[in-house]
Amino acid sequence: MPLETPGFRPDDTGRPPGALPVMCGRCGTDAQLTIRSVSHPPDYPPDIVMVSHTCGRCGRFSEHTAWLADLAGVLARLEQTGDVLILGGHYLHCGQPMEKAGSEHRRLSAPLTTETATEDALDVYLSTRVLRCVCGFQMELPE
């Protein structure tokens, strides 16, 4: 069954074996994809990447190997600017690489039991790195 949805390249010409098209498997289009991460799987040729994406139409998440040329077509769209993209261990926001803006120590607490109100709590301390975009958006990641 041929897919003739706008935004989807119907030709499989030149696609390496095992590389799936970058599109929603449920909706059959790549028009509303948000790319979440891109990495290079070990022992694969340089033009094959592991891509994860979410469909804005149906909400389906998918992760699979893809041909870099197919991914480039999706990333070239202007709509791909709103979220954080993880690309090879680097975090991008607004199309710009995020820079390390410092480190923090966070304390997470949880009561040992929910049956009684006691002062005892289980504490976990977590070191995080703060990443900041030129637009002012920032996020913390565990170190």
C-alpha atoms as a PDB file:
ATOM      1  CA  MET A   1       0.000   0.000   0.000  1.00  0.00           C
ATOM      2  CA  PRO A   2       1.725   3.217  -1.087  1.00  0.00           C
ATOM      3  CA  LEU A   3       1.772   6.104   1.344  1.00  0.00           C
ATOM      4  CA  GLU A   4       0.932   9.386  -0.315  1.00  0.00           C
ATOM      5  CA  THR A   5       0.698  11.615   2.720  1.00  0.00           C
ATOM      6  CA  PRO A   6       2.288  15.068   2.452  1.00  0.00           C
ATOM      7  CA  GLY A   7       5.672  15.195   4.121  1.00  0.00           C
ATOM      8  CA  PHE A   8       6.515  11.529   3.510  1.00  0.00           C
ATOM      9  CA  ARG A   9       9.056  10.422   0.924  1.00  0.00           C
ATOM     10  CA  PRO A  10       7.400   7.411  -0.742  1.00  0.00           C
ATOM     11  CA  ASP A  11      10.526   6.246  -2.599  1.00  0.00           C
ATOM     12  CA  ASP A  12      12.792   3.749  -0.841  1.00  0.00           C
ATOM     13  CA  THR A  13      15.490   4.391  -3.431  1.00  0.00           C
ATOM     14  CA  GLY A  14      18.925   4.097  -1.917  1.00  0.00           C
ATOM     15  CA  ARG A  15      17.763   3.449   1.663  1.00  0.00           C
ATOM     16  CA  PRO A  16      20.156   1.001   3.321  1.00  0.00           C
ATOM     17  CA  PRO A  17      18.699  -2.325   4.466  1.00  0.00           C
ATOM     18  CA  GLY A  18      17.407  -2.266   8.048  1.00  0.00           C
ATOM     19  CA  ALA A  19      16.926   1.523   8.083  1.00  0.00           C
ATOM     20  CA  LEU A  20      13.290   2.428   8.568  1.00  0.00           C
ATOM     21  CA  PRO A  21      11.728   5.653   7.260  1.00  0.00           C
ATOM     22  CA  VAL A  22      11.545   8.513   9.777  1.00  0.00           C
ATOM     23  CA  MET A  23       7.769   8.676  10.079  1.00  0.00           C
ATOM     24  CA  CYS A  24       4.930   7.728  12.392  1.00  0.00           C
ATOM     25  CA  GLY A  25       4.094   4.061  11.961  1.00  0.00           C
ATOM     26  CA  ARG A  26       0.481   4.708  12.946  1.00  0.00           C
ATOM     27  CA  CYS A  27      -0.281   7.894  10.939  1.00  0.00           C
ATOM     28  CA  GLY A  28       1.991   7.085   7.980  1.00  0.00           C
ATOM     29  CA  THR A  29       3.495  10.588   7.789  1.00  0.00           C
ATOM     30  CA  ASP A  30       6.490  12.526   9.042  1.00  0.00           C
ATOM     31  CA  ALA A  31       4.689  15.898   8.929  1.00  0.00           C
ATOM     32  CA  GLN A  32       4.089  16.196  12.700  1.00  0.00           C
ATOM     33  CA  LEU A  33       7.133  14.439  14.154  1.00  0.00           C
ATOM     34  CA  THR A  34       9.176  15.866  16.984  1.00  0.00           C
ATOM     35  CA  ILE A  35      12.655  14.362  17.002  1.00  0.00           C
ATOM     36  CA  ARG A  36      13.649  13.528  20.580  1.00  0.00           C
ATOM     37  CA  SER A  37      17.151  12.083  20.219  1.00  0.00           C
ATOM     38  CA  VAL A  38      19.687  10.991  17.646  1.00  0.00           C
ATOM     39  CA  SER A  39      22.717   8.793  18.303  1.00  0.00           C
ATOM     40  CA  HIS A  40      25.027   6.553  16.334  1.00  0.00           C
ATOM     41  CA  PRO A  41      24.569   2.866  17.162  1.00  0.00           C
ATOM     42  CA  PRO A  42      27.815   0.891  17.492  1.00  0.00           C
ATOM     43  CA  ASP A  43      28.876  -1.286  14.560  1.00  0.00           C
ATOM     44  CA  TYR A  44      26.648   0.559  12.063  1.00  0.00           C
ATOM     45  CA  PRO A  45      27.794   2.529   8.994  1.00  0.00           C
ATOM     46  CA  PRO A  46      28.131   6.308   9.506  1.00  0.00           C
ATOM     47  CA  ASP A  47      24.960   7.078   7.524  1.00  0.00           C
ATOM     48  CA  ILE A  48      22.746   5.020   9.896  1.00  0.00           C
ATOM     49  CA  VAL A  49      21.534   6.599  13.162  1.00  0.00           C
ATOM     50  CA  MET A  50      19.279   5.595  16.040  1.00  0.00           C
ATOM     51  CA  VAL A  51      16.431   8.110  16.126  1.00  0.00           C
ATOM     52  CA  SER A  52      13.594   8.510  18.604  1.00  0.00           C
ATOM     53  CA  HIS A  53      10.546  10.626  17.812  1.00  0.00           C
ATOM     54  CA  THR A  54       7.022  11.464  18.921  1.00  0.00           C
ATOM     55  CA  CYS A  55       4.087  12.064  16.597  1.00  0.00           C
ATOM     56  CA  GLY A  56       2.189  15.287  17.306  1.00  0.00           C
ATOM     57  CA  ARG A  57      -0.972  13.888  15.711  1.00  0.00           C
ATOM     58  CA  CYS A  58      -1.418  10.610  17.612  1.00  0.00           C
ATOM     59  CA  GLY A  59       1.187  10.880  20.398  1.00  0.00           C
ATOM     60  CA  ARG A  60       2.998   7.657  19.468  1.00  0.00           C
ATOM     61  CA  PHE A  61       6.664   7.367  20.515  1.00  0.00           C
ATOM     62  CA  SER A  62       9.060   5.327  18.391  1.00  0.00           C
ATOM     63  CA  GLU A  63      12.779   4.562  18.346  1.00  0.00           C
ATOM     64  CA  HIS A  64      14.531   2.790  15.469  1.00  0.00           C
ATOM     65  CA  THR A  65      17.484   2.878  13.113  1.00  0.00           C
ATOM     66  CA  ALA A  66      17.124   5.304  10.227  1.00  0.00           C
ATOM     67  CA  TRP A  67      19.032   6.608   7.257  1.00  0.00           C
ATOM     68  CA  LEU A  68      20.664   9.953   7.999  1.00  0.00           C
ATOM     69  CA  ALA A  69      19.329  11.407   4.719  1.00  0.00           C
ATOM     70  CA  ASP A  70      15.725  10.680   5.804  1.00  0.00           C
ATOM     71  CA  LEU A  71      16.339  12.294   9.193  1.00  0.00           C
ATOM     72  CA  ALA A  72      17.855  15.390   7.582  1.00  0.00           C
ATOM     73  CA  GLY A  73      14.628  15.949   5.637  1.00  0.00           C
ATOM     74  CA  VAL A  74      12.589  16.020   8.848  1.00  0.00           C
ATOM     75  CA  LEU A  75      15.083  18.195  10.754  1.00  0.00           C
ATOM     76  CA  ALA A  76      15.242  20.733   7.918  1.00  0.00           C
ATOM     77  CA  ARG A  77      11.663  21.828   8.584  1.00  0.00           C
ATOM     78  CA  LEU A  78      11.130  25.148  10.352  1.00  0.00           C
ATOM     79  CA  GLU A  79       8.736  23.593  12.883  1.00  0.00           C
ATOM     80  CA  GLN A  80      11.594  21.679  14.555  1.00  0.00           C
ATOM     81  CA  THR A  81      12.487  24.415  17.048  1.00  0.00           C
ATOM     82  CA  GLY A  82      10.347  24.008  20.170  1.00  0.00           C
ATOM     83  CA  ASP A  83      11.852  21.155  22.186  1.00  0.00           C
ATOM     84  CA  VAL A  84      15.209  19.949  23.372  1.00  0.00           C
ATOM     85  CA  LEU A  85      16.969  17.680  20.894  1.00  0.00           C
ATOM     86  CA  ILE A  86      19.665  15.304  22.099  1.00  0.00           C
ATOM     87  CA  LEU A  87      22.175  14.882  19.289  1.00  0.00           C
ATOM     88  CA  GLY A  88      25.145  12.654  19.977  1.00  0.00           C
ATOM     89  CA  GLY A  89      25.288  13.585  23.673  1.00  0.00           C
ATOM     90  CA  HIS A  90      24.794  17.307  23.023  1.00  0.00           C
ATOM     91  CA  TYR A  91      21.600  19.113  23.965  1.00  0.00           C
ATOM     92  CA  LEU A  92      20.083  21.602  21.503  1.00  0.00           C
ATOM     93  CA  HIS A  93      17.277  24.093  22.112  1.00  0.00           C
ATOM     94  CA  CYS A  94      16.119  26.777  19.654  1.00  0.00           C
ATOM     95  CA  GLY A  95      18.516  25.162  17.195  1.00  0.00           C
ATOM     96  CA  GLN A  96      21.459  26.224  19.398  1.00  0.00           C
ATOM     97  CA  PRO A  97      23.740  24.032  21.535  1.00  0.00           C
ATOM     98  CA  MET A  98      23.053  24.451  25.241  1.00  0.00           C
ATOM     99  CA  GLU A  99      26.036  25.470  27.386  1.00  0.00           C
ATOM    100  CA  LYS A 100      26.900  24.269  30.885  1.00  0.00           C
ATOM    101  CA  ALA A 101      25.941  27.045  33.312  1.00  0.00           C
ATOM    102  CA  GLY A 102      27.036  25.402  36.556  1.00  0.00           C
ATOM    103  CA  SER A 103      26.362  22.525  38.900  1.00  0.00           C
ATOM    104  CA  GLU A 104      23.887  22.036  41.733  1.00  0.00           C
ATOM    105  CA  HIS A 105      23.319  19.583  44.571  1.00  0.00           C
ATOM    106  CA  ARG A 106      19.715  18.545  45.076  1.00  0.00           C
ATOM    107  CA  ARG A 107      18.186  16.750  48.039  1.00  0.00           C
ATOM    108  CA  LEU A 108      15.247  14.483  47.427  1.00  0.00           C
ATOM    109  CA  SER A 109      13.277  13.294  50.455  1.00  0.00           C
ATOM    110  CA  ALA A 110      10.547  10.753  50.928  1.00  0.00           C
ATOM    111  CA  PRO A 111       8.965   9.537  54.170  1.00  0.00           C
ATOM    112  CA  LEU A 112       9.878   6.001  55.165  1.00  0.00           C
ATOM    113  CA  THR A 113       6.197   5.210  55.637  1.00  0.00           C
ATOM    114  CA  THR A 114       2.910   6.814  54.737  1.00  0.00           C
ATOM    115  CA  GLU A 115       1.101   5.431  57.784  1.00  0.00           C
ATOM    116  CA  THR A 116       2.443   7.847  60.403  1.00  0.00           C
ATOM    117  CA  ALA A 117       3.673  11.406  60.272  1.00  0.00           C
ATOM    118  CA  THR A 118       7.264  11.059  61.446  1.00  0.00           C
ATOM    119  CA  GLU A 119      10.328  13.179  61.013  1.00  0.00           C
ATOM    120  CA  ASP A 120      12.241  10.211  59.594  1.00  0.00           C
ATOM    121  CA  ALA A 121      12.763  10.420  55.878  1.00  0.00           C
ATOM    122  CA  LEU A 122      14.840   8.719  53.274  1.00  0.00           C
ATOM    123  CA  ASP A 123      17.172  11.311  51.721  1.00  0.00           C
ATOM    124  CA  VAL A 124      18.944  11.061  48.408  1.00  0.00           C
ATOM    125  CA  TYR A 125      21.516  13.625  47.303  1.00  0.00           C
ATOM    126  CA  LEU A 126      21.965  14.187  43.608  1.00  0.00           C
ATOM    127  CA  SER A 127      24.585  16.205  41.730  1.00  0.00           C
ATOM    128  CA  THR A 128      23.233  17.879  38.612  1.00  0.00           C
ATOM    129  CA  ARG A 129      24.621  19.997  35.812  1.00  0.00           C
ATOM    130  CA  VAL A 130      22.696  23.027  34.672  1.00  0.00           C
ATOM    131  CA  LEU A 131      22.440  23.589  30.910  1.00  0.00           C
ATOM    132  CA  ARG A 132      21.278  26.928  29.532  1.00  0.00           C
ATOM    133  CA  CYS A 133      20.182  28.023  26.048  1.00  0.00           C
ATOM    134  CA  VAL A 134      20.869  31.502  24.635  1.00  0.00           C
ATOM    135  CA  CYS A 135      17.088  32.147  24.847  1.00  0.00           C
ATOM    136  CA  GLY A 136      17.158  31.688  28.643  1.00  0.00           C
ATOM    137  CA  PHE A 137      15.670  28.191  28.790  1.00  0.00           C
ATOM    138  CA  GLN A 138      17.562  25.977  31.219  1.00  0.00           C
ATOM    139  CA  MET A 139      17.386  22.443  32.545  1.00  0.00           C
ATOM    140  CA  GLU A 140      19.186  20.256  35.057  1.00  0.00           C
ATOM    141  CA  LEU A 141      20.551  16.808  34.309  1.00  0.00           C
ATOM    142  CA  PRO A 142      22.033  14.262  36.711  1.00  0.00           C
ATOM    143  CA  GLU A 143      25.815  14.093  36.525  1.00  0.00           C
END
